[in-house]
Amino acid sequence: KSAKKFNTIVLKGGSRNHIIALVLILAITTGVFAFAFNQINQVPQAEPDYGLTFSIVYAEQLGLDYQEVYKALVEDLGVSRVRLPIYWSEVESDPRNSNWEVYDWLFEYSENHNVELIPVVGSKVPRWPECFIPYWVEKLNTTYQHKELLKFMKYSVERYKDSESVIRWQVENEPFFPFGECPTVSSEQFQQRVELVRSLDDKPIQVTVSGEVGPWLDSAQAADVLGISMYRQTWNDLFGYFVYPISPEFYFFRAGLVAPYVDKVIVSELQAEPWFPEAIENRTPAKWYESFTAEMFQNNLDFAIQSGLSEAYLWGAEWWYFLLLNGEDRLWEKAKEINW
């Protein structure tokens, strides 16, 4: 059941090949300004508040039990902050009968263990293929899809807004970044989604962007908190594994530019797993570990500290647990060292 899905997921790296040249230009240009800026205002080196993203879909694709994984993350690692995508396609797979059992459990467990949550609502939420639209909604035109999504978002927020665990809401995930199998969303539609959540709850709104490419300002203007991705190593067909030539100051400088529009800028996705260029079954867990080691994990943590941003949510916790169950515990042990 999961293998076919995962084959689609792990082949996503090639879709970013066309932006490498832009990254190089942007890195060089911004790096010059960041270097000059850093000579005047030293980037703070305080350790950020760490959290992680938890995906029930990814856990299932890895053949894991989501409750078992979540309990291990909280009780063994001590995780206390989680960004939690709410998958529309999972909750409303049947148009006549919504199923909230999974999320009711996650919210109740989080409340009982003092875990802070950032629920992500929308059609585009974390993990490939990025958009999770029920099959019966996909048959509708874009106007009616938008209306159905607003209904789902309204119900999601109303169901969980009184949870003591919820600290803010994230609306969509990198909504204007052209990545994933997603319909285009207009600025007007996105603004309506943000305004809907604001009308239902007074908690802050988080909006996310690609940290490496693309503009930040438009999204920042709609948000209280701007979340950025921070990827160090990706894959492309030309170079193979490729490390973005970007310094920590790059992110700090860009965060400074949008600071007048948001309360803070955070790292919403800090890479802590490999970028998969092929299906997972093509390599053993031991071989996959070589693509992202505990040393690389630590380097990314250090990089996040050097960026000077106040929060960092790690990406790949389900993968650490998958490796642990398959006899490779080094990423899990590295995660235990984090001050969650």
C-alpha atoms as a PDB file:
ATOM      1  CA  LYS A   1       0.000   0.000   0.000  1.00  0.00           C
ATOM      2  CA  SER A   2       2.716   2.478   0.968  1.00  0.00           C
ATOM      3  CA  ALA A   3       5.447   1.484  -1.485  1.00  0.00           C
ATOM      4  CA  LYS A   4       3.866   3.083  -4.547  1.00  0.00           C
ATOM      5  CA  LYS A   5       3.228   6.292  -2.627  1.00  0.00           C
ATOM      6  CA  PHE A   6       6.781   6.379  -1.332  1.00  0.00           C
ATOM      7  CA  ASN A   7       8.247   5.924  -4.800  1.00  0.00           C
ATOM      8  CA  THR A   8       6.527   9.180  -5.707  1.00  0.00           C
ATOM      9  CA  ILE A   9       7.760  10.921  -2.592  1.00  0.00           C
ATOM     10  CA  VAL A  10      11.414  10.104  -2.793  1.00  0.00           C
ATOM     11  CA  LEU A  11      11.805  11.180  -6.399  1.00  0.00           C
ATOM     12  CA  LYS A  12      10.924  14.790  -5.667  1.00  0.00           C
ATOM     13  CA  GLY A  13      14.482  16.157  -5.662  1.00  0.00           C
ATOM     14  CA  GLY A  14      14.764  16.686  -9.397  1.00  0.00           C
ATOM     15  CA  SER A  15      11.924  19.200  -9.458  1.00  0.00           C
ATOM     16  CA  ARG A  16      14.175  21.866  -7.935  1.00  0.00           C
ATOM     17  CA  ASN A  17      16.954  21.562 -10.503  1.00  0.00           C
ATOM     18  CA  HIS A  18      15.803  24.591 -12.447  1.00  0.00           C
ATOM     19  CA  ILE A  19      16.313  26.923  -9.485  1.00  0.00           C
ATOM     20  CA  ILE A  20      19.964  26.119  -8.729  1.00  0.00           C
ATOM     21  CA  ALA A  21      21.238  28.978 -10.890  1.00  0.00           C
ATOM     22  CA  LEU A  22      18.890  31.362  -9.085  1.00  0.00           C
ATOM     23  CA  VAL A  23      20.146  30.092  -5.731  1.00  0.00           C
ATOM     24  CA  LEU A  24      23.740  30.756  -6.744  1.00  0.00           C
ATOM     25  CA  ILE A  25      22.984  34.309  -7.831  1.00  0.00           C
ATOM     26  CA  LEU A  26      20.863  34.980  -4.755  1.00  0.00           C
ATOM     27  CA  ALA A  27      23.434  33.486  -2.406  1.00  0.00           C
ATOM     28  CA  ILE A  28      26.272  35.557  -3.813  1.00  0.00           C
ATOM     29  CA  THR A  29      24.286  38.791  -3.864  1.00  0.00           C
ATOM     30  CA  THR A  30      22.724  38.381  -0.454  1.00  0.00           C
ATOM     31  CA  GLY A  31      25.936  37.008   1.008  1.00  0.00           C
ATOM     32  CA  VAL A  32      27.758  40.224   0.201  1.00  0.00           C
ATOM     33  CA  PHE A  33      25.136  42.290   1.983  1.00  0.00           C
ATOM     34  CA  ALA A  34      24.900  39.808   4.853  1.00  0.00           C
ATOM     35  CA  PHE A  35      28.653  39.937   5.382  1.00  0.00           C
ATOM     36  CA  ALA A  36      28.605  43.731   5.519  1.00  0.00           C
ATOM     37  CA  PHE A  37      25.565  43.686   7.800  1.00  0.00           C
ATOM     38  CA  ASN A  38      27.233  41.211  10.121  1.00  0.00           C
ATOM     39  CA  GLN A  39      30.246  43.457  10.561  1.00  0.00           C
ATOM     40  CA  ILE A  40      27.960  46.075  12.095  1.00  0.00           C
ATOM     41  CA  ASN A  41      25.463  43.854  13.918  1.00  0.00           C
ATOM     42  CA  GLN A  42      26.920  40.559  15.086  1.00  0.00           C
ATOM     43  CA  VAL A  43      24.527  37.660  14.544  1.00  0.00           C
ATOM     44  CA  PRO A  44      23.367  36.374  17.961  1.00  0.00           C
ATOM     45  CA  GLN A  45      24.619  32.876  18.749  1.00  0.00           C
ATOM     46  CA  ALA A  46      21.963  31.733  21.228  1.00  0.00           C
ATOM     47  CA  GLU A  47      20.570  28.222  20.819  1.00  0.00           C
ATOM     48  CA  PRO A  48      17.028  28.352  19.377  1.00  0.00           C
ATOM     49  CA  ASP A  49      13.986  26.728  20.933  1.00  0.00           C
ATOM     50  CA  TYR A  50      13.759  23.392  19.140  1.00  0.00           C
ATOM     51  CA  GLY A  51      10.688  21.558  17.955  1.00  0.00           C
ATOM     52  CA  LEU A  52       9.839  19.256  15.069  1.00  0.00           C
ATOM     53  CA  THR A  53       7.274  18.558  12.376  1.00  0.00           C
ATOM     54  CA  PHE A  54       5.258  15.371  12.836  1.00  0.00           C
ATOM     55  CA  SER A  55       3.432  13.823   9.883  1.00  0.00           C
ATOM     56  CA  ILE A  56       1.004  10.934  10.273  1.00  0.00           C
ATOM     57  CA  VAL A  57       1.194  10.450   6.497  1.00  0.00           C
ATOM     58  CA  TYR A  58       4.978  10.096   6.487  1.00  0.00           C
ATOM     59  CA  ALA A  59       4.871   7.738   9.466  1.00  0.00           C
ATOM     60  CA  GLU A  60       2.421   5.530   7.575  1.00  0.00           C
ATOM     61  CA  GLN A  61       4.529   5.629   4.409  1.00  0.00           C
ATOM     62  CA  LEU A  62       7.486   4.346   6.439  1.00  0.00           C
ATOM     63  CA  GLY A  63       5.337   1.527   7.786  1.00  0.00           C
ATOM     64  CA  LEU A  64       5.242   2.976  11.317  1.00  0.00           C
ATOM     65  CA  ASP A  65       2.499   3.244  13.902  1.00  0.00           C
ATOM     66  CA  TYR A  66       1.895   6.977  14.394  1.00  0.00           C
ATOM     67  CA  GLN A  67       1.022   6.627  18.081  1.00  0.00           C
ATOM     68  CA  GLU A  68       4.138   4.604  18.806  1.00  0.00           C
ATOM     69  CA  VAL A  69       6.342   7.139  17.025  1.00  0.00           C
ATOM     70  CA  TYR A  70       4.723  10.166  18.663  1.00  0.00           C
ATOM     71  CA  LYS A  71       5.000   8.646  22.139  1.00  0.00           C
ATOM     72  CA  ALA A  72       8.677   7.869  21.566  1.00  0.00           C
ATOM     73  CA  LEU A  73       9.363  11.422  20.387  1.00  0.00           C
ATOM     74  CA  VAL A  74       7.706  12.929  23.444  1.00  0.00           C
ATOM     75  CA  GLU A  75       8.605  10.411  26.153  1.00  0.00           C
ATOM     76  CA  ASP A  76      12.038   9.231  25.011  1.00  0.00           C
ATOM     77  CA  LEU A  77      13.442  12.337  23.309  1.00  0.00           C
ATOM     78  CA  GLY A  78      11.536  14.887  25.396  1.00  0.00           C
ATOM     79  CA  VAL A  79      10.079  16.835  22.465  1.00  0.00           C
ATOM     80  CA  SER A  80       7.772  19.619  23.661  1.00  0.00           C
ATOM     81  CA  ARG A  81       6.994  21.619  20.482  1.00  0.00           C
ATOM     82  CA  VAL A  82       5.390  20.099  17.388  1.00  0.00           C
ATOM     83  CA  ARG A  83       4.227  21.483  14.069  1.00  0.00           C
ATOM     84  CA  LEU A  84       1.303  19.223  13.170  1.00  0.00           C
ATOM     85  CA  PRO A  85      -0.158  19.109   9.633  1.00  0.00           C
ATOM     86  CA  ILE A  86      -3.887  18.344   9.526  1.00  0.00           C
ATOM     87  CA  TYR A  87      -4.417  16.380   6.309  1.00  0.00           C
ATOM     88  CA  TRP A  88      -7.696  17.247   4.631  1.00  0.00           C
ATOM     89  CA  SER A  89      -7.598  14.131   2.435  1.00  0.00           C
ATOM     90  CA  GLU A  90      -7.210  11.912   5.506  1.00  0.00           C
ATOM     91  CA  VAL A  91      -9.991  13.473   7.575  1.00  0.00           C
ATOM     92  CA  GLU A  92     -12.541  13.815   4.770  1.00  0.00           C
ATOM     93  CA  SER A  93     -11.706  10.870   2.538  1.00  0.00           C
ATOM     94  CA  ASP A  94     -15.417  10.052   2.767  1.00  0.00           C
ATOM     95  CA  PRO A  95     -17.550  13.131   1.986  1.00  0.00           C
ATOM     96  CA  ARG A  96     -20.358  11.770   4.145  1.00  0.00           C
ATOM     97  CA  ASN A  97     -18.322  10.992   7.237  1.00  0.00           C
ATOM     98  CA  SER A  98     -15.360  12.991   8.613  1.00  0.00           C
ATOM     99  CA  ASN A  99     -12.903  11.005  10.717  1.00  0.00           C
ATOM    100  CA  TRP A 100     -11.062  12.989  13.425  1.00  0.00           C
ATOM    101  CA  GLU A 101     -10.007  10.014  15.543  1.00  0.00           C
ATOM    102  CA  VAL A 102      -6.273  10.346  14.764  1.00  0.00           C
ATOM    103  CA  TYR A 103      -6.130  14.062  15.508  1.00  0.00           C
ATOM    104  CA  ASP A 104      -8.315  13.833  18.588  1.00  0.00           C
ATOM    105  CA  TRP A 105      -5.776  11.368  19.992  1.00  0.00           C
ATOM    106  CA  LEU A 106      -2.781  13.557  19.047  1.00  0.00           C
ATOM    107  CA  PHE A 107      -4.288  16.687  20.602  1.00  0.00           C
ATOM    108  CA  GLU A 108      -5.358  14.897  23.783  1.00  0.00           C
ATOM    109  CA  TYR A 109      -1.977  13.213  24.167  1.00  0.00           C
ATOM    110  CA  SER A 110      -0.203  16.542  23.590  1.00  0.00           C
ATOM    111  CA  GLU A 111      -2.339  18.255  26.213  1.00  0.00           C
ATOM    112  CA  ASN A 112      -1.616  15.505  28.738  1.00  0.00           C
ATOM    113  CA  HIS A 113       2.150  15.765  28.109  1.00  0.00           C
ATOM    114  CA  ASN A 114       2.492  19.563  27.889  1.00  0.00           C
ATOM    115  CA  VAL A 115       3.396  19.551  24.201  1.00  0.00           C
ATOM    116  CA  GLU A 116       2.893  22.853  22.371  1.00  0.00           C
ATOM    117  CA  LEU A 117       1.285  22.505  18.946  1.00  0.00           C
ATOM    118  CA  ILE A 118       1.265  24.522  15.749  1.00  0.00           C
ATOM    119  CA  PRO A 119      -1.530  22.917  13.696  1.00  0.00           C
ATOM    120  CA  VAL A 120      -1.176  23.439   9.938  1.00  0.00           C
ATOM    121  CA  VAL A 121      -4.483  23.916   8.097  1.00  0.00           C
ATOM    122  CA  GLY A 122      -5.101  24.273   4.378  1.00  0.00           C
ATOM    123  CA  SER A 123      -4.828  22.188   1.238  1.00  0.00           C
ATOM    124  CA  LYS A 124      -1.029  22.493   0.950  1.00  0.00           C
ATOM    125  CA  VAL A 125       0.604  21.205   4.130  1.00  0.00           C
ATOM    126  CA  PRO A 126       3.978  19.563   4.908  1.00  0.00           C
ATOM    127  CA  ARG A 127       5.189  16.398   3.142  1.00  0.00           C
ATOM    128  CA  TRP A 128       5.053  15.251  -0.452  1.00  0.00           C
ATOM    129  CA  PRO A 129       2.980  15.613  -2.634  1.00  0.00           C
ATOM    130  CA  GLU A 130       2.439  18.843  -0.642  1.00  0.00           C
ATOM    131  CA  CYS A 131      -1.288  19.138  -1.424  1.00  0.00           C
ATOM    132  CA  PHE A 132      -3.742  16.773   0.251  1.00  0.00           C
ATOM    133  CA  ILE A 133      -7.113  17.342  -1.385  1.00  0.00           C
ATOM    134  CA  PRO A 134      -9.848  14.682  -1.073  1.00  0.00           C
ATOM    135  CA  TYR A 135     -10.600  12.867  -4.322  1.00  0.00           C
ATOM    136  CA  TRP A 136     -14.186  14.073  -4.347  1.00  0.00           C
ATOM    137  CA  VAL A 137     -13.075  17.711  -4.025  1.00  0.00           C
ATOM    138  CA  GLU A 138     -10.586  17.367  -6.877  1.00  0.00           C
ATOM    139  CA  LYS A 139     -13.550  16.760  -9.190  1.00  0.00           C
ATOM    140  CA  LEU A 140     -14.924  20.247  -8.433  1.00  0.00           C
ATOM    141  CA  ASN A 141     -13.882  23.466 -10.149  1.00  0.00           C
ATOM    142  CA  THR A 142     -11.416  25.729  -8.333  1.00  0.00           C
ATOM    143  CA  THR A 143     -14.126  28.016  -6.933  1.00  0.00           C
ATOM    144  CA  TYR A 144     -15.950  25.159  -5.236  1.00  0.00           C
ATOM    145  CA  GLN A 145     -12.683  23.563  -4.113  1.00  0.00           C
ATOM    146  CA  HIS A 146     -11.870  26.803  -2.309  1.00  0.00           C
ATOM    147  CA  LYS A 147     -15.305  26.893  -0.680  1.00  0.00           C
ATOM    148  CA  GLU A 148     -14.997  23.303   0.517  1.00  0.00           C
ATOM    149  CA  LEU A 149     -11.546  24.022   1.917  1.00  0.00           C
ATOM    150  CA  LEU A 150     -12.840  27.013   3.882  1.00  0.00           C
ATOM    151  CA  LYS A 151     -15.482  24.759   5.425  1.00  0.00           C
ATOM    152  CA  PHE A 152     -12.837  22.233   6.418  1.00  0.00           C
ATOM    153  CA  MET A 153     -10.522  24.888   7.836  1.00  0.00           C
ATOM    154  CA  LYS A 154     -13.373  26.420   9.830  1.00  0.00           C
ATOM    155  CA  TYR A 155     -14.267  23.082  11.349  1.00  0.00           C
ATOM    156  CA  SER A 156     -10.607  22.277  12.109  1.00  0.00           C
ATOM    157  CA  VAL A 157      -9.999  25.536  13.962  1.00  0.00           C
ATOM    158  CA  GLU A 158     -13.297  25.395  15.855  1.00  0.00           C
ATOM    159  CA  ARG A 159     -12.619  21.806  16.909  1.00  0.00           C
ATOM    160  CA  TYR A 160      -9.174  22.488  18.383  1.00  0.00           C
ATOM    161  CA  LYS A 161      -8.916  26.203  19.149  1.00  0.00           C
ATOM    162  CA  ASP A 162      -9.676  25.660  22.837  1.00  0.00           C
ATOM    163  CA  SER A 163      -6.923  23.078  23.219  1.00  0.00           C
ATOM    164  CA  GLU A 164      -4.343  24.212  25.771  1.00  0.00           C
ATOM    165  CA  SER A 165      -1.622  22.868  23.484  1.00  0.00           C
ATOM    166  CA  VAL A 166      -2.281  25.171  20.515  1.00  0.00           C
ATOM    167  CA  ILE A 167       0.062  28.172  20.544  1.00  0.00           C
ATOM    168  CA  ARG A 168      -0.543  29.403  16.977  1.00  0.00           C
ATOM    169  CA  TRP A 169      -1.971  28.328  13.639  1.00  0.00           C
ATOM    170  CA  GLN A 170      -0.126  27.866  10.377  1.00  0.00           C
ATOM    171  CA  VAL A 171      -2.155  28.575   7.239  1.00  0.00           C
ATOM    172  CA  GLU A 172      -0.996  26.534   4.210  1.00  0.00           C
ATOM    173  CA  ASN A 173       2.674  25.616   3.713  1.00  0.00           C
ATOM    174  CA  GLU A 174       4.831  27.655   1.332  1.00  0.00           C
ATOM    175  CA  PRO A 175       1.617  28.497  -0.582  1.00  0.00           C
ATOM    176  CA  PHE A 176       3.297  30.452  -3.384  1.00  0.00           C
ATOM    177  CA  PHE A 177       6.364  28.261  -3.857  1.00  0.00           C
ATOM    178  CA  PRO A 178       5.923  26.209  -7.066  1.00  0.00           C
ATOM    179  CA  PHE A 179       6.756  22.826  -5.585  1.00  0.00           C
ATOM    180  CA  GLY A 180       4.544  19.782  -5.296  1.00  0.00           C
ATOM    181  CA  GLU A 181       1.463  18.447  -7.043  1.00  0.00           C
ATOM    182  CA  CYS A 182      -0.751  21.397  -6.274  1.00  0.00           C
ATOM    183  CA  PRO A 183      -3.267  23.702  -7.937  1.00  0.00           C
ATOM    184  CA  THR A 184      -2.321  27.359  -8.020  1.00  0.00           C
ATOM    185  CA  VAL A 185      -3.669  29.469  -5.178  1.00  0.00           C
ATOM    186  CA  SER A 186      -4.342  33.152  -5.768  1.00  0.00           C
ATOM    187  CA  SER A 187      -3.315  35.880  -3.350  1.00  0.00           C
ATOM    188  CA  GLU A 188      -6.996  36.626  -2.780  1.00  0.00           C
ATOM    189  CA  GLN A 189      -7.825  33.016  -1.918  1.00  0.00           C
ATOM    190  CA  PHE A 190      -4.863  32.767   0.437  1.00  0.00           C
ATOM    191  CA  GLN A 191      -5.824  35.996   2.177  1.00  0.00           C
ATOM    192  CA  GLN A 192      -9.361  34.681   2.665  1.00  0.00           C
ATOM    193  CA  ARG A 193      -7.953  31.577   4.335  1.00  0.00           C
ATOM    194  CA  VAL A 194      -5.781  33.645   6.664  1.00  0.00           C
ATOM    195  CA  GLU A 195      -8.653  35.992   7.512  1.00  0.00           C
ATOM    196  CA  LEU A 196     -10.946  33.037   8.236  1.00  0.00           C
ATOM    197  CA  VAL A 197      -8.537  31.618  10.829  1.00  0.00           C
ATOM    198  CA  ARG A 198      -8.052  35.076  12.371  1.00  0.00           C
ATOM    199  CA  SER A 199     -11.823  35.461  12.688  1.00  0.00           C
ATOM    200  CA  LEU A 200     -12.126  32.161  14.560  1.00  0.00           C
ATOM    201  CA  ASP A 201      -9.234  32.420  17.016  1.00  0.00           C
ATOM    202  CA  ASP A 202      -7.014  35.215  18.313  1.00  0.00           C
ATOM    203  CA  LYS A 203      -3.841  33.111  18.388  1.00  0.00           C
ATOM    204  CA  PRO A 204      -0.971  34.198  16.098  1.00  0.00           C
ATOM    205  CA  ILE A 205      -0.888  33.154  12.446  1.00  0.00           C
ATOM    206  CA  GLN A 206       2.199  31.537  10.970  1.00  0.00           C
ATOM    207  CA  VAL A 207       2.939  31.607   7.233  1.00  0.00           C
ATOM    208  CA  THR A 208       5.875  29.788   5.631  1.00  0.00           C
ATOM    209  CA  VAL A 209       8.173  30.373   2.665  1.00  0.00           C
ATOM    210  CA  SER A 210      11.195  28.743   1.059  1.00  0.00           C
ATOM    211  CA  GLY A 211      14.208  29.963   2.967  1.00  0.00           C
ATOM    212  CA  GLU A 212      16.548  29.471   0.040  1.00  0.00           C
ATOM    213  CA  VAL A 213      14.657  30.942  -2.932  1.00  0.00           C
ATOM    214  CA  GLY A 214      11.656  33.144  -3.597  1.00  0.00           C
ATOM    215  CA  PRO A 215      10.351  36.303  -1.927  1.00  0.00           C
ATOM    216  CA  TRP A 216       9.508  36.555   1.760  1.00  0.00           C
ATOM    217  CA  LEU A 217       7.816  39.932   1.984  1.00  0.00           C
ATOM    218  CA  ASP A 218       4.372  39.132   0.563  1.00  0.00           C
ATOM    219  CA  SER A 219       3.909  36.202   2.918  1.00  0.00           C
ATOM    220  CA  ALA A 220       5.343  38.121   5.875  1.00  0.00           C
ATOM    221  CA  GLN A 221       2.741  40.843   5.430  1.00  0.00           C
ATOM    222  CA  ALA A 222      -0.026  38.284   6.004  1.00  0.00           C
ATOM    223  CA  ALA A 223       1.582  36.722   9.080  1.00  0.00           C
ATOM    224  CA  ASP A 224       2.420  37.260  12.727  1.00  0.00           C
ATOM    225  CA  VAL A 225       5.200  34.670  12.483  1.00  0.00           C
ATOM    226  CA  LEU A 226       7.137  33.892   9.301  1.00  0.00           C
ATOM    227  CA  GLY A 227       8.536  30.369   9.031  1.00  0.00           C
ATOM    228  CA  ILE A 228      11.368  29.604   6.614  1.00  0.00           C
ATOM    229  CA  SER A 229      12.866  26.335   5.411  1.00  0.00           C
ATOM    230  CA  MET A 230      16.567  25.694   5.988  1.00  0.00           C
ATOM    231  CA  TYR A 231      17.931  22.967   3.743  1.00  0.00           C
ATOM    232  CA  ARG A 232      21.648  22.327   3.490  1.00  0.00           C
ATOM    233  CA  GLN A 233      21.881  19.315   1.175  1.00  0.00           C
ATOM    234  CA  THR A 234      19.547  18.452  -1.701  1.00  0.00           C
ATOM    235  CA  TRP A 235      19.826  16.304  -4.820  1.00  0.00           C
ATOM    236  CA  ASN A 236      19.796  17.130  -8.503  1.00  0.00           C
ATOM    237  CA  ASP A 237      20.514  15.035 -11.565  1.00  0.00           C
ATOM    238  CA  LEU A 238      23.464  17.162 -12.679  1.00  0.00           C
ATOM    239  CA  PHE A 239      25.535  17.333  -9.487  1.00  0.00           C
ATOM    240  CA  GLY A 240      24.072  14.566  -7.339  1.00  0.00           C
ATOM    241  CA  TYR A 241      23.987  15.644  -3.705  1.00  0.00           C
ATOM    242  CA  PHE A 242      24.368  19.397  -3.636  1.00  0.00           C
ATOM    243  CA  VAL A 243      24.999  21.730  -0.673  1.00  0.00           C
ATOM    244  CA  TYR A 244      23.416  25.155  -0.998  1.00  0.00           C
ATOM    245  CA  PRO A 245      26.221  27.769  -1.075  1.00  0.00           C
ATOM    246  CA  ILE A 246      24.478  29.909   1.526  1.00  0.00           C
ATOM    247  CA  SER A 247      25.828  31.164   4.841  1.00  0.00           C
ATOM    248  CA  PRO A 248      23.833  31.467   8.092  1.00  0.00           C
ATOM    249  CA  GLU A 249      24.047  35.254   7.699  1.00  0.00           C
ATOM    250  CA  PHE A 250      21.956  34.924   4.530  1.00  0.00           C
ATOM    251  CA  TYR A 251      18.926  33.949   6.624  1.00  0.00           C
ATOM    252  CA  PHE A 252      19.652  36.428   9.393  1.00  0.00           C
ATOM    253  CA  PHE A 253      19.942  39.294   6.938  1.00  0.00           C
ATOM    254  CA  ARG A 254      16.727  38.416   5.104  1.00  0.00           C
ATOM    255  CA  ALA A 255      14.932  38.032   8.440  1.00  0.00           C
ATOM    256  CA  GLY A 256      16.035  41.560   9.285  1.00  0.00           C
ATOM    257  CA  LEU A 257      14.517  42.883   6.075  1.00  0.00           C
ATOM    258  CA  VAL A 258      11.032  41.549   6.911  1.00  0.00           C
ATOM    259  CA  ALA A 259      11.249  42.227  10.661  1.00  0.00           C
ATOM    260  CA  PRO A 260       9.024  45.355  10.443  1.00  0.00           C
ATOM    261  CA  TYR A 261       6.135  43.189   9.205  1.00  0.00           C
ATOM    262  CA  VAL A 262       6.178  40.203  11.601  1.00  0.00           C
ATOM    263  CA  ASP A 263       6.667  39.545  15.283  1.00  0.00           C
ATOM    264  CA  LYS A 264       9.439  37.064  14.511  1.00  0.00           C
ATOM    265  CA  VAL A 265      11.026  34.866  11.870  1.00  0.00           C
ATOM    266  CA  ILE A 266      11.648  31.216  12.713  1.00  0.00           C
ATOM    267  CA  VAL A 267      13.002  28.086  11.017  1.00  0.00           C
ATOM    268  CA  SER A 268       9.895  26.051  10.286  1.00  0.00           C
ATOM    269  CA  GLU A 269      11.813  23.237   8.516  1.00  0.00           C
ATOM    270  CA  LEU A 270      15.397  22.435   9.498  1.00  0.00           C
ATOM    271  CA  GLN A 271      16.717  19.506   7.490  1.00  0.00           C
ATOM    272  CA  ALA A 272      17.462  16.479   9.659  1.00  0.00           C
ATOM    273  CA  GLU A 273      17.055  13.634   7.188  1.00  0.00           C
ATOM    274  CA  PRO A 274      18.500  12.846   3.724  1.00  0.00           C
ATOM    275  CA  TRP A 275      17.097  14.165   0.496  1.00  0.00           C
ATOM    276  CA  PHE A 276      15.883  10.968  -1.184  1.00  0.00           C
ATOM    277  CA  PRO A 277      16.837  10.747  -4.885  1.00  0.00           C
ATOM    278  CA  GLU A 278      15.308   7.288  -5.330  1.00  0.00           C
ATOM    279  CA  ALA A 279      12.877   4.846  -3.748  1.00  0.00           C
ATOM    280  CA  ILE A 280      13.751   3.908  -0.181  1.00  0.00           C
ATOM    281  CA  GLU A 281      13.718   0.177  -0.888  1.00  0.00           C
ATOM    282  CA  ASN A 282      16.620   0.667  -3.314  1.00  0.00           C
ATOM    283  CA  ARG A 283      19.062   1.036  -0.412  1.00  0.00           C
ATOM    284  CA  THR A 284      19.440  -0.507   2.999  1.00  0.00           C
ATOM    285  CA  PRO A 285      18.913   1.684   6.077  1.00  0.00           C
ATOM    286  CA  ALA A 286      22.685   1.511   6.675  1.00  0.00           C
ATOM    287  CA  LYS A 287      23.365   2.898   3.193  1.00  0.00           C
ATOM    288  CA  TRP A 288      20.737   5.618   3.594  1.00  0.00           C
ATOM    289  CA  TYR A 289      22.430   6.657   6.837  1.00  0.00           C
ATOM    290  CA  GLU A 290      25.546   7.513   4.816  1.00  0.00           C
ATOM    291  CA  SER A 291      23.459  10.127   2.958  1.00  0.00           C
ATOM    292  CA  PHE A 292      22.674  11.954   6.213  1.00  0.00           C
ATOM    293  CA  THR A 293      24.852  11.161   9.203  1.00  0.00           C
ATOM    294  CA  ALA A 294      24.871  12.236  12.842  1.00  0.00           C
ATOM    295  CA  GLU A 295      27.727  14.596  11.982  1.00  0.00           C
ATOM    296  CA  MET A 296      25.607  16.261   9.287  1.00  0.00           C
ATOM    297  CA  PHE A 297      22.755  16.456  11.795  1.00  0.00           C
ATOM    298  CA  GLN A 298      25.001  18.321  14.236  1.00  0.00           C
ATOM    299  CA  ASN A 299      26.297  20.597  11.475  1.00  0.00           C
ATOM    300  CA  ASN A 300      22.733  21.613  10.649  1.00  0.00           C
ATOM    301  CA  LEU A 301      21.984  22.308  14.310  1.00  0.00           C
ATOM    302  CA  ASP A 302      25.104  24.497  14.473  1.00  0.00           C
ATOM    303  CA  PHE A 303      24.076  26.239  11.261  1.00  0.00           C
ATOM    304  CA  ALA A 304      20.659  27.061  12.744  1.00  0.00           C
ATOM    305  CA  ILE A 305      22.306  28.522  15.836  1.00  0.00           C
ATOM    306  CA  GLN A 306      24.558  30.670  13.638  1.00  0.00           C
ATOM    307  CA  SER A 307      21.523  32.019  11.743  1.00  0.00           C
ATOM    308  CA  GLY A 308      20.383  33.805  14.897  1.00  0.00           C
ATOM    309  CA  LEU A 309      16.704  32.775  14.587  1.00  0.00           C
ATOM    310  CA  SER A 310      14.784  32.053  17.772  1.00  0.00           C
ATOM    311  CA  GLU A 311      12.983  28.788  16.924  1.00  0.00           C
ATOM    312  CA  ALA A 312      13.874  25.793  14.742  1.00  0.00           C
ATOM    313  CA  TYR A 313      11.557  22.889  13.880  1.00  0.00           C
ATOM    314  CA  LEU A 314      13.416  19.796  12.717  1.00  0.00           C
ATOM    315  CA  TRP A 315      12.364  17.836   9.640  1.00  0.00           C
ATOM    316  CA  GLY A 316      12.715  14.064   9.627  1.00  0.00           C
ATOM    317  CA  ALA A 317      11.788  12.733  13.071  1.00  0.00           C
ATOM    318  CA  GLU A 318       9.831   9.837  11.595  1.00  0.00           C
ATOM    319  CA  TRP A 319      12.960   8.861   9.668  1.00  0.00           C
ATOM    320  CA  TRP A 320      15.080   8.751  12.835  1.00  0.00           C
ATOM    321  CA  TYR A 321      12.615   6.308  14.356  1.00  0.00           C
ATOM    322  CA  PHE A 322      12.493   4.193  11.178  1.00  0.00           C
ATOM    323  CA  LEU A 323      16.284   3.877  11.280  1.00  0.00           C
ATOM    324  CA  LEU A 324      16.178   3.069  15.001  1.00  0.00           C
ATOM    325  CA  LEU A 325      13.814   0.144  14.354  1.00  0.00           C
ATOM    326  CA  ASN A 326      16.120  -1.033  11.586  1.00  0.00           C
ATOM    327  CA  GLY A 327      19.242  -1.196  13.724  1.00  0.00           C
ATOM    328  CA  GLU A 328      20.693   2.263  13.054  1.00  0.00           C
ATOM    329  CA  ASP A 329      20.344   4.431  16.168  1.00  0.00           C
ATOM    330  CA  ARG A 330      22.834   7.251  15.581  1.00  0.00           C
ATOM    331  CA  LEU A 331      20.335   9.895  14.421  1.00  0.00           C
ATOM    332  CA  TRP A 332      18.002   9.002  17.297  1.00  0.00           C
ATOM    333  CA  GLU A 333      20.857   9.262  19.789  1.00  0.00           C
ATOM    334  CA  LYS A 334      21.884  12.600  18.317  1.00  0.00           C
ATOM    335  CA  ALA A 335      18.312  13.850  18.741  1.00  0.00           C
ATOM    336  CA  LYS A 336      18.473  12.822  22.415  1.00  0.00           C
ATOM    337  CA  GLU A 337      21.247  15.384  22.907  1.00  0.00           C
ATOM    338  CA  ILE A 338      19.010  18.269  21.871  1.00  0.00           C
ATOM    339  CA  ASN A 339      17.652  20.538  24.566  1.00  0.00           C
ATOM    340  CA  TRP A 340      14.002  20.209  23.587  1.00  0.00           C
END
